Protein backbone atom coordinates (compact mmCIF):
# COMPACT_ATOMS: atom_id res chain seq x y z
CA UNK A 1 -27.57 55.42 21.74
CA UNK A 2 -30.53 54.44 23.76
CA UNK A 3 -32.00 51.01 23.69
CA UNK A 4 -35.28 49.80 25.89
CA UNK A 5 -35.14 46.53 27.50
CA UNK A 6 -38.77 44.90 29.32
CA UNK A 7 -38.60 42.20 31.67
CA UNK A 8 -41.44 40.39 32.79
CA UNK A 9 -42.58 37.68 35.25
CA UNK A 10 -44.64 34.61 34.02
CA UNK A 11 -48.16 35.49 34.69
CA UNK A 12 -47.38 39.05 35.75
CA UNK A 13 -47.29 42.23 33.87
CA UNK A 14 -44.44 43.99 32.83
CA UNK A 15 -42.52 45.23 36.13
CA UNK A 16 -40.13 47.49 34.71
CA UNK A 17 -38.89 49.38 31.59
CA UNK A 18 -35.58 51.36 31.66
CA UNK A 19 -33.30 52.77 29.31
CA UNK A 20 -29.63 51.53 29.01
CA UNK A 21 -27.00 53.46 27.32
CA UNK A 22 -24.39 50.84 25.19
CA UNK A 23 -20.83 51.63 25.57
CA UNK A 24 -18.01 51.63 23.14
CA UNK A 25 -17.75 48.38 20.94
CA UNK A 26 -14.43 46.73 22.09
CA UNK A 27 -14.56 44.20 19.69
CA UNK A 28 -13.65 46.95 16.98
CA UNK A 29 -10.63 48.45 18.64
CA UNK A 30 -7.42 47.80 16.87
CA UNK A 31 -4.91 45.44 18.44
CA UNK A 32 -1.53 45.19 16.90
CA UNK A 33 -0.65 41.89 18.48
CA UNK A 34 -3.99 40.27 17.67
CA UNK A 35 -3.84 41.66 14.12
CA UNK A 36 -0.04 39.98 13.75
CA UNK A 37 -1.23 36.69 15.08
CA UNK A 38 -4.26 36.63 12.73
CA UNK A 39 -1.86 37.56 9.86
CA UNK A 40 0.56 34.68 10.89
CA UNK A 41 -2.04 32.04 11.18
CA UNK A 42 -3.74 33.19 7.80
CA UNK A 43 -0.13 32.87 6.22
CA UNK A 44 0.38 29.32 7.62
CA UNK A 45 -3.03 28.35 6.57
CA UNK A 46 -2.38 29.64 2.92
CA UNK A 47 0.99 27.71 2.87
CA UNK A 48 -0.51 24.50 3.96
CA UNK A 49 -3.23 24.72 1.44
CA UNK A 50 -0.69 25.52 -1.51
CA UNK A 51 1.80 22.80 -0.23
CA UNK A 52 -1.10 20.26 -0.19
CA UNK A 53 -2.01 21.21 -3.69
CA UNK A 54 1.45 21.28 -5.01
CA UNK A 55 1.99 17.68 -3.49
CA UNK A 56 -1.39 16.55 -5.29
CA UNK A 57 -0.23 18.04 -8.57
CA UNK A 58 3.17 16.41 -8.34
CA UNK A 59 1.70 12.94 -7.61
CA UNK A 60 -0.89 13.45 -10.07
CA UNK A 61 1.17 14.57 -13.05
CA UNK A 62 4.09 11.96 -12.57
CA UNK A 63 1.27 9.37 -12.12
CA UNK A 64 -0.13 10.29 -15.67
CA UNK A 65 3.33 10.06 -17.03
CA UNK A 66 3.69 6.50 -15.78
CA UNK A 67 0.47 5.13 -17.28
CA UNK A 68 1.47 7.09 -20.56
CA UNK A 69 5.02 5.82 -20.88
CA UNK A 70 6.12 2.38 -22.13
CA UNK A 71 8.54 -0.03 -20.60
CA UNK A 72 10.79 -1.90 -23.03
CA UNK A 73 11.28 -5.04 -21.96
CA UNK A 74 13.38 -7.71 -23.38
CA UNK A 75 11.59 -9.94 -26.15
CA UNK A 76 11.62 -13.30 -24.93
CA UNK A 77 9.75 -16.63 -25.33
CA UNK A 78 9.37 -19.88 -22.77
CA UNK A 79 11.09 -22.94 -24.06
CA UNK A 80 10.36 -26.20 -22.50
CA UNK A 81 12.87 -28.68 -21.42
CA UNK A 82 13.54 -31.81 -22.76
CA UNK A 83 12.25 -33.96 -19.96
CA UNK A 84 9.37 -33.32 -17.54
CA UNK A 85 10.16 -32.68 -14.03
CA UNK A 86 6.73 -33.53 -12.36
CA UNK A 87 3.45 -34.92 -13.07
CA UNK A 88 -0.01 -34.22 -11.68
CA UNK A 89 -1.23 -36.33 -8.86
CA UNK A 90 -4.95 -35.76 -9.26
CA UNK A 91 -6.91 -34.13 -12.12
CA UNK A 92 -7.62 -30.42 -12.53
CA UNK A 93 -10.43 -28.53 -14.00
CA UNK A 94 -9.95 -25.64 -16.43
CA UNK A 95 -10.35 -23.14 -13.87
CA UNK A 96 -7.94 -24.60 -11.23
CA UNK A 97 -5.11 -22.54 -10.01
CA UNK A 98 -3.74 -25.32 -7.68
CA UNK A 99 -1.61 -27.95 -9.25
CA UNK A 100 -1.26 -31.18 -7.14
CA UNK A 101 2.23 -32.69 -8.15
CA UNK A 102 4.81 -35.27 -7.53
CA UNK A 103 8.48 -34.83 -8.47
CA UNK A 104 9.68 -37.31 -10.98
CA UNK A 105 13.23 -37.27 -10.15
CA UNK A 106 15.33 -35.90 -7.23
CA UNK A 107 17.43 -32.78 -7.97
CA UNK A 108 16.14 -29.42 -9.36
CA UNK A 109 12.90 -27.95 -7.93
CA UNK A 110 10.58 -25.29 -9.55
CA UNK A 111 10.89 -21.58 -8.86
CA UNK A 112 8.31 -18.70 -8.36
CA UNK A 113 7.60 -16.93 -11.61
CA UNK A 114 8.83 -19.70 -13.69
CA UNK A 115 6.87 -21.05 -16.58
CA UNK A 116 5.77 -24.54 -16.93
CA UNK A 117 4.27 -26.60 -19.79
CA UNK A 118 1.44 -28.94 -18.55
CA UNK A 119 -0.22 -30.66 -21.93
CA UNK A 120 -0.50 -27.72 -24.52
CA UNK A 121 -0.94 -25.07 -21.97
CA UNK A 122 1.94 -22.67 -20.47
CA UNK A 123 1.30 -21.75 -16.89
CA UNK A 124 3.22 -19.50 -14.48
CA UNK A 125 4.13 -20.23 -11.04
CA UNK A 126 2.88 -17.74 -8.37
CA UNK A 127 3.64 -19.68 -5.23
CA UNK A 128 5.56 -22.96 -4.90
CA UNK A 129 4.90 -25.42 -2.12
CA UNK A 130 5.93 -28.91 -1.28
CA UNK A 131 2.98 -30.67 -3.06
CA UNK A 132 1.05 -28.10 -4.88
CA UNK A 133 1.90 -25.25 -7.01
CA UNK A 134 -0.11 -21.87 -7.41
CA UNK A 135 -0.16 -20.84 -10.98
CA UNK A 136 -1.63 -18.41 -13.37
CA UNK A 137 -3.43 -20.20 -16.17
CA UNK A 138 -3.47 -19.63 -19.83
CA UNK A 139 -0.13 -17.91 -20.46
CA UNK A 140 1.46 -16.73 -23.57
CA UNK A 141 -1.69 -17.01 -25.31
CA UNK A 142 -2.43 -20.57 -24.54
CA UNK A 143 -5.94 -21.75 -23.29
CA UNK A 144 -6.72 -23.47 -19.84
CA UNK A 145 -7.96 -26.76 -20.15
CA UNK A 146 -8.63 -29.70 -17.80
CA UNK A 147 -5.98 -32.06 -17.50
CA UNK A 148 -6.12 -35.73 -15.93
CA UNK A 149 -4.02 -37.13 -13.20
CA UNK A 150 -0.55 -38.09 -14.33
CA UNK A 151 -0.14 -35.23 -16.83
CA UNK A 152 3.53 -34.20 -17.16
CA UNK A 153 4.64 -31.02 -15.88
CA UNK A 154 7.87 -29.58 -17.69
CA UNK A 155 9.67 -26.79 -16.42
CA UNK A 156 10.67 -23.89 -19.17
CA UNK A 157 13.28 -21.26 -19.71
CA UNK A 158 13.03 -18.18 -21.34
CA UNK A 159 15.33 -17.54 -24.37
CA UNK A 160 15.94 -14.07 -25.55
CA UNK A 161 15.29 -12.78 -28.91
CA UNK A 162 18.55 -11.32 -30.42
CA UNK A 163 19.74 -10.07 -33.64
CA UNK A 164 21.19 -13.20 -35.47
CA UNK A 165 23.27 -11.24 -37.70
CA UNK A 166 24.93 -7.57 -37.61
CA UNK A 167 23.08 -4.99 -38.93
CA UNK A 168 24.78 -1.88 -40.59
CA UNK A 169 23.17 1.41 -40.26
CA UNK A 170 22.09 1.55 -43.89
CA UNK A 171 20.22 -1.86 -43.64
CA UNK A 172 16.74 -2.52 -43.13
CA UNK A 173 16.52 -6.36 -42.90
CA UNK A 174 16.86 -7.27 -39.30
CA UNK A 175 17.40 -11.15 -38.80
CA UNK A 176 16.41 -12.45 -35.49
CA UNK A 177 17.30 -15.58 -33.54
CA UNK A 178 15.70 -18.82 -34.92
CA UNK A 179 11.76 -19.38 -33.72
CA UNK A 180 11.47 -15.71 -32.77
CA UNK A 181 10.11 -14.11 -36.04
CA UNK A 182 6.56 -14.83 -35.16
CA UNK A 183 6.75 -12.88 -31.82
CA UNK A 184 6.65 -9.61 -33.93
CA UNK A 185 3.81 -8.09 -36.00
CA UNK A 186 3.98 -5.45 -38.79
CA UNK A 187 3.42 -1.92 -37.30
CA UNK A 188 4.98 -2.83 -34.30
CA UNK A 189 8.06 -1.23 -32.72
CA UNK A 190 11.00 -2.55 -31.41
CA UNK A 191 14.21 -1.26 -29.59
CA UNK A 192 17.73 -2.76 -30.49
CA UNK A 193 20.23 -1.18 -28.22
CA UNK A 194 19.21 2.38 -27.78
CA UNK A 195 17.45 3.01 -31.32
CA UNK A 196 13.73 2.56 -31.98
CA UNK A 197 12.65 0.78 -35.25
CA UNK A 198 9.16 -0.13 -36.50
CA UNK A 199 8.45 -3.50 -38.11
CA UNK A 200 7.29 -3.23 -41.83
CA UNK A 201 7.10 -6.75 -42.56
CA UNK A 202 7.76 -10.46 -41.23
CA UNK A 203 8.97 -13.04 -43.17
CA UNK A 204 10.12 -16.03 -41.59
CA UNK A 205 12.91 -14.81 -38.98
CA UNK A 206 13.60 -11.93 -41.13
CA UNK A 207 12.14 -8.23 -40.17
CA UNK A 208 11.90 -5.56 -42.55
CA UNK A 209 12.16 -2.51 -40.18
CA UNK A 210 11.99 1.16 -40.62
CA UNK A 211 15.03 2.73 -38.88
CA UNK A 212 15.45 5.81 -36.39
CA UNK A 213 11.89 6.03 -35.20
CA UNK A 214 11.00 8.80 -32.47
CA UNK A 215 14.19 10.61 -33.52
CA UNK A 216 16.27 7.89 -32.19
CA UNK A 217 20.10 7.64 -33.56
CA UNK A 218 20.83 5.02 -36.23
CA UNK A 219 23.54 2.98 -35.45
CA UNK A 220 25.52 -0.18 -36.48
CA UNK A 221 24.36 -3.19 -34.41
CA UNK A 222 26.54 -6.25 -33.74
CA UNK A 223 25.17 -9.86 -34.07
CA UNK A 224 23.96 -11.06 -30.71
CA UNK A 225 22.07 -7.52 -29.83
CA UNK A 226 19.21 -7.54 -27.61
CA UNK A 227 15.48 -6.91 -28.84
CA UNK A 228 13.03 -5.22 -26.65
CA UNK A 229 9.31 -4.78 -27.15
CA UNK A 230 7.08 -2.21 -25.64
CA UNK A 231 5.06 -2.91 -22.56
CA UNK A 232 2.59 -0.28 -21.85
CA UNK A 233 1.49 0.14 -18.14
CA UNK A 234 -2.47 -0.10 -18.07
CA UNK A 235 -4.54 0.72 -15.13
CA UNK A 236 -5.82 -2.91 -15.04
CA UNK A 237 -2.55 -4.24 -14.96
CA UNK A 238 -1.63 -2.22 -12.12
CA UNK A 239 -4.61 -2.82 -9.71
CA UNK A 240 -5.03 -6.41 -10.66
CA UNK A 241 -1.55 -7.96 -11.41
CA UNK A 242 0.18 -9.76 -8.49
CA UNK A 243 3.65 -9.18 -9.70
CA UNK A 244 5.82 -6.01 -9.14
CA UNK A 245 9.13 -6.16 -11.01
CA UNK A 246 9.64 -2.93 -12.68
CA UNK A 247 12.95 -4.27 -14.19
CA UNK A 248 10.82 -6.97 -16.30
CA UNK A 249 8.03 -4.43 -17.01
CA UNK A 250 5.71 -6.05 -14.25
CA UNK A 251 3.77 -3.26 -12.38
CA UNK A 252 1.18 -5.10 -10.34
CA UNK A 253 0.50 -3.10 -6.97
CA UNK A 254 -1.48 -5.89 -5.15
CA UNK A 255 1.68 -7.34 -3.51
CA UNK A 256 2.24 -3.91 -1.98
CA UNK A 257 -1.29 -3.09 -1.16
CA UNK A 258 -1.79 -6.52 0.51
CA UNK A 259 1.39 -6.13 2.62
CA UNK A 260 0.11 -2.81 3.69
CA UNK A 261 -3.22 -3.92 4.88
CA UNK A 262 -2.09 -7.03 6.36
CA UNK A 263 0.31 -5.17 8.66
CA UNK A 264 -2.11 -2.61 9.36
CA UNK A 265 -4.58 -5.10 10.50
CA UNK A 266 -2.15 -6.90 12.82
CA UNK A 267 -1.26 -3.16 14.21
CA UNK A 268 -5.02 -2.64 14.83
CA UNK A 269 -5.46 -5.94 16.63
CA UNK A 270 -2.80 -4.94 18.92
CA UNK A 271 -3.45 -1.14 19.31
CA UNK A 272 -7.06 -1.19 19.75
CA UNK A 273 -7.39 -3.33 22.99
CA UNK A 274 -3.80 -1.71 24.68
CA UNK A 275 -5.21 1.80 23.44
CA UNK A 276 -8.85 1.50 24.57
CA UNK A 277 -8.16 -0.18 27.60
CA UNK A 278 -5.64 2.27 28.71
CA UNK A 279 -8.02 5.29 27.85
CA UNK A 280 -10.71 3.83 29.76
CA UNK A 281 -8.52 2.93 32.88
CA UNK A 282 -7.10 6.68 32.76
CA UNK A 283 -10.71 8.12 32.24
CA UNK A 284 -12.89 6.06 34.47
CA UNK A 285 -10.55 4.15 37.27
CA UNK A 286 -7.31 5.87 37.41
CA UNK A 287 -6.97 8.48 40.48
CA UNK A 288 -5.89 11.76 39.62
CA UNK A 289 -2.30 11.22 40.78
CA UNK A 290 -2.03 8.05 38.74
CA UNK A 291 -3.56 9.47 35.62
CA UNK A 292 -1.07 12.50 35.73
CA UNK A 293 1.48 10.12 35.60
CA UNK A 294 0.62 7.54 33.52
CA UNK A 295 -0.74 9.62 30.59
CA UNK A 296 2.62 11.47 29.81
CA UNK A 297 4.64 8.25 30.34
CA UNK A 298 2.38 6.41 27.72
CA UNK A 299 2.50 9.50 25.24
CA UNK A 300 6.35 9.38 25.46
CA UNK A 301 5.95 6.39 23.03
CA UNK A 302 4.93 8.54 20.26
CA UNK A 303 7.98 10.35 20.49
CA UNK A 304 10.24 7.61 20.04
CA UNK A 305 11.98 7.66 16.72
CA UNK A 306 10.41 4.87 14.33
CA UNK A 307 14.10 3.59 13.38
CA UNK A 308 14.21 2.50 16.89
CA UNK A 309 11.09 0.66 16.75
CA UNK A 310 12.21 -1.00 13.45
CA UNK A 311 15.42 -2.15 15.53
CA UNK A 312 13.37 -3.23 18.34
CA UNK A 313 11.35 -5.70 15.92
CA UNK A 314 14.45 -6.97 14.54
CA UNK A 315 16.25 -7.75 17.77
CA UNK A 316 13.39 -8.46 20.02
CA UNK A 317 9.88 -9.29 18.70
CA UNK A 318 11.22 -11.34 15.90
CA UNK A 319 13.18 -13.57 18.30
CA UNK A 320 10.56 -13.93 20.84
CA UNK A 321 8.20 -14.90 18.16
CA UNK A 322 10.52 -17.64 17.09
CA UNK A 323 11.50 -18.99 20.52
CA UNK A 324 7.63 -19.27 21.78
CA UNK A 325 5.84 -19.93 18.75
CA UNK A 326 6.93 -20.30 15.13
CA UNK A 327 10.60 -21.58 15.52
CA UNK A 328 12.69 -21.62 12.13
CA UNK A 329 9.29 -21.47 9.99
CA UNK A 330 9.26 -17.45 10.59
CA UNK A 331 11.30 -15.54 8.20
CA UNK A 332 13.92 -13.21 10.09
CA UNK A 333 12.14 -10.41 7.82
CA UNK A 334 8.50 -10.99 8.41
CA UNK A 335 4.69 -9.26 8.47
CA UNK A 336 3.96 -10.36 12.02
CA UNK A 337 6.70 -8.83 13.86
CA UNK A 338 6.14 -5.58 11.80
CA UNK A 339 2.64 -5.56 12.51
CA UNK A 340 2.92 -5.96 16.16
CA UNK A 341 5.63 -3.24 16.38
CA UNK A 342 3.53 -0.78 14.40
CA UNK A 343 0.82 -1.70 16.91
CA UNK A 344 2.89 -0.61 19.85
CA UNK A 345 3.60 2.45 18.06
CA UNK A 346 0.29 3.68 17.18
CA UNK A 347 -1.09 2.62 20.42
CA UNK A 348 -0.36 6.10 22.18
CA UNK A 349 -2.36 7.71 19.58
CA UNK A 350 -5.51 5.56 19.94
CA UNK A 351 -5.19 6.00 23.72
CA UNK A 352 -5.14 9.80 23.38
CA UNK A 353 -7.80 10.42 21.25
CA UNK A 354 -9.87 7.84 23.10
CA UNK A 355 -9.44 9.21 26.53
CA UNK A 356 -10.21 12.64 25.02
CA UNK A 357 -13.44 11.54 23.52
CA UNK A 358 -14.37 9.45 26.79
CA UNK A 359 -13.40 12.21 28.94
CA UNK A 360 -15.74 14.58 26.93
CA UNK A 361 -18.79 12.67 28.13
CA UNK A 362 -20.78 14.62 30.40
CA UNK A 363 -20.64 13.69 34.12
CA UNK A 364 -24.34 13.71 34.40
CA UNK A 365 -24.75 10.64 32.44
CA UNK A 366 -22.51 8.84 34.64
CA UNK A 367 -24.23 10.02 37.48
CA UNK A 368 -27.86 9.13 36.14
CA UNK A 369 -26.49 5.48 35.43
CA UNK A 370 -25.06 5.27 38.96
CA UNK A 371 -28.39 6.69 40.20
CA UNK A 372 -30.46 3.68 38.76
CA UNK A 373 -28.13 1.04 40.32
CA UNK A 374 -25.28 0.48 37.72
CA UNK A 375 -22.36 -0.64 38.64
CA UNK A 376 -19.16 1.48 37.47
CA UNK A 377 -18.24 -1.56 34.78
CA UNK A 378 -21.75 -1.28 33.64
CA UNK A 379 -21.69 2.45 33.42
CA UNK A 380 -18.53 2.67 31.36
CA UNK A 381 -19.59 -0.35 28.85
CA UNK A 382 -23.31 0.53 28.36
CA UNK A 383 -23.29 4.34 28.89
CA UNK A 384 -19.82 5.98 28.52
CA UNK A 385 -18.59 4.03 25.60
CA UNK A 386 -21.42 4.30 23.36
CA UNK A 387 -21.58 7.97 23.99
CA UNK A 388 -18.32 8.31 23.08
CA UNK A 389 -18.38 6.22 19.97
CA UNK A 390 -17.65 8.89 17.38
CA UNK A 391 -14.53 9.84 18.85
CA UNK A 392 -13.22 6.41 19.38
CA UNK A 393 -14.00 5.20 15.87
CA UNK A 394 -12.43 8.65 14.45
CA UNK A 395 -9.43 7.74 16.71
CA UNK A 396 -9.08 4.30 15.46
CA UNK A 397 -9.41 5.11 12.01
CA UNK A 398 -6.87 7.76 12.28
CA UNK A 399 -4.41 5.42 13.61
CA UNK A 400 -5.11 3.16 10.74
CA UNK A 401 -3.94 5.82 8.37
CA UNK A 402 -0.86 6.17 10.56
CA UNK A 403 -0.18 2.46 10.35
CA UNK A 404 -0.66 2.43 6.74
CA UNK A 405 1.67 5.23 6.10
CA UNK A 406 4.24 3.70 8.35
CA UNK A 407 7.71 3.63 6.81
CA UNK A 408 10.89 2.80 8.71
CA UNK A 409 9.45 -0.25 10.91
CA UNK A 410 8.01 -1.97 8.00
CA UNK A 411 11.13 -1.33 6.04
CA UNK A 412 13.71 -2.93 8.47
CA UNK A 413 11.34 -5.53 9.67
CA UNK A 414 8.86 -6.57 7.10
CA UNK A 415 11.39 -7.06 4.11
CA UNK A 416 12.57 -5.32 1.12
CA UNK A 417 10.95 -7.37 -1.84
CA UNK A 418 7.33 -7.14 -2.90
CA UNK A 419 5.88 -10.66 -2.25
CA UNK A 420 1.90 -11.35 -3.03
CA UNK A 421 1.34 -13.77 0.15
CA UNK A 422 -1.09 -13.83 3.08
CA UNK A 423 1.14 -15.60 5.05
CA UNK A 424 2.12 -13.33 8.04
CA UNK A 425 5.44 -15.34 8.65
CA UNK A 426 6.85 -14.48 5.18
CA UNK A 427 8.54 -11.23 4.24
CA UNK A 428 6.86 -8.55 2.14
CA UNK A 429 7.15 -4.76 1.29
CA UNK A 430 4.53 -2.09 1.79
CA UNK A 431 3.75 0.84 -0.35
CA UNK A 432 5.60 3.39 2.12
CA UNK A 433 8.36 0.73 2.41
CA UNK A 434 8.84 0.45 -1.41
CA UNK A 435 8.79 4.08 -2.05
CA UNK A 436 11.81 4.66 0.57
CA UNK A 437 13.67 1.74 -0.75
CA UNK A 438 13.24 2.70 -4.51
CA UNK A 439 13.85 6.48 -3.74
CA UNK A 440 17.16 6.14 -2.07
CA UNK A 441 18.37 3.84 -5.06
CA UNK A 442 20.42 4.62 -8.17
CA UNK A 443 17.15 5.24 -10.47
CA UNK A 444 17.37 7.70 -13.65
CA UNK A 445 15.25 10.67 -13.24
CA UNK A 446 12.02 10.43 -15.55
CA UNK A 447 12.41 6.80 -16.04
CA UNK A 448 9.62 4.54 -15.96
CA UNK A 449 10.98 2.97 -12.54
CA UNK A 450 11.02 6.67 -11.03
CA UNK A 451 7.62 7.60 -12.22
CA UNK A 452 6.32 4.17 -10.74
CA UNK A 453 7.21 5.56 -7.28
CA UNK A 454 4.75 8.37 -7.70
CA UNK A 455 1.92 5.76 -9.08
CA UNK A 456 2.51 4.01 -5.43
CA UNK A 457 2.53 7.40 -3.73
CA UNK A 458 -0.60 8.59 -5.24
CA UNK A 459 -2.29 5.21 -4.45
CA UNK A 460 -0.96 5.75 -0.67
CA UNK A 461 -2.50 9.28 -0.67
CA UNK A 462 -5.97 8.16 -1.99
CA UNK A 463 -5.92 5.36 0.87
CA UNK A 464 -5.18 7.36 3.65
CA UNK A 465 -7.41 10.38 2.19
CA UNK A 466 -10.20 7.79 2.00
CA UNK A 467 -9.65 6.62 5.80
CA UNK A 468 -9.78 10.57 6.80
CA UNK A 469 -13.00 10.84 4.82
CA UNK A 470 -14.43 7.91 6.46
CA UNK A 471 -13.28 8.99 9.99
CA UNK A 472 -15.11 12.40 9.53
CA UNK A 473 -18.21 10.84 8.19
CA UNK A 474 -18.33 8.49 11.22
CA UNK A 475 -17.93 11.34 13.53
CA UNK A 476 -20.24 13.09 11.89
CA UNK A 477 -22.80 10.15 11.95
CA UNK A 478 -22.44 9.12 15.45
CA UNK A 479 -21.83 12.41 17.28
CA UNK A 480 -24.15 13.37 20.07
CA UNK A 481 -24.35 16.62 21.47
CA UNK A 482 -25.06 17.32 25.24
């Protein structure tokens, strides 16, 4: 095959035209090694895609099952003590959630999640202090109201609804403990032991029930048997409730989300200055020999098992913080130590990605800056870093995704109980830590506790996916081509 090519000089006629015969197309030659590599890479890509899709389907399926399931919780009612324990020191408005109080007598104190009777309103304690109580207002159908100073605060205990008399298998009249008949309504389903019944009518403390609902076995029940009521989990409760207690039918994920964000925030506050500073030094200031020695040393931190970081937080970070700053006010398990340790863990990730982004800035930009009289520091701050901002931002967001998903450090150093608090000195539990703790426990397959793990996992997956999408958008938005 012949092909003509014409070459011209500016302002001159064509100088030469000659024929060139094309050679064989080497790109079409069959190479067995390259074909094998292509097949392996394609197989890896397909496996990766199907694995991701499978994980998403499992998470989504169990999450849907979680929201469709009903939690059976023991029917109970708060009962006020005979004497008030405290009184308000100042008046409160109907929307106030902080109660300033003073104890009327020494001895017992209020407990978290305890019910209180203030005037005619039932409240629930969310956080107990020495002179104030944080509460949730209007519990058990009561209405929030303004109260004057001196209003009595009476602690309440929760009595369980129980079968007052034995219930034979052929009887449909269930008498419940005194005062609890009004808790139930016709059409409502209840559970006595393992049998589900449907309430047909309520007369005082006696319930007329339909036995063996949903295929459950009709049994004889003894006096004193616990009565449970269904408590379906709603999406609104899931994202807004501040209490996570699956055993009590409380599925508010806010404590887990709050702890995750606080620990991740502390981690970024530690890792960004350290990682970005190390990246700038290695790229702009370190001599080649120093850089070749320090960069591998820094990246060794990424290979240390995270369980080692967890014990490092327990045995070094927490004692150091206690001795130097907080004393006994810092819990042995706390979010601050966990956040600092996670920050050290993700520092190599930020350093490596930022150093790559800074090194990718063309040398010509630096030389142009030096040519107009800028110093090395001015060039780094005003030229190099702005040019590399897309890569730096992406690295920081990906490091945050790593911090959000960290498990062993927070499991060992932050605590093992959901606690809705913004005090970094207190213990709390993250989403990843909760999944690790619950999944290793003794829970029944398919139970509500079991499916709740997947709901938390789906929330964690969506959070990290959102961070990765934001990282990609920032990279595309701020990317500069040279």
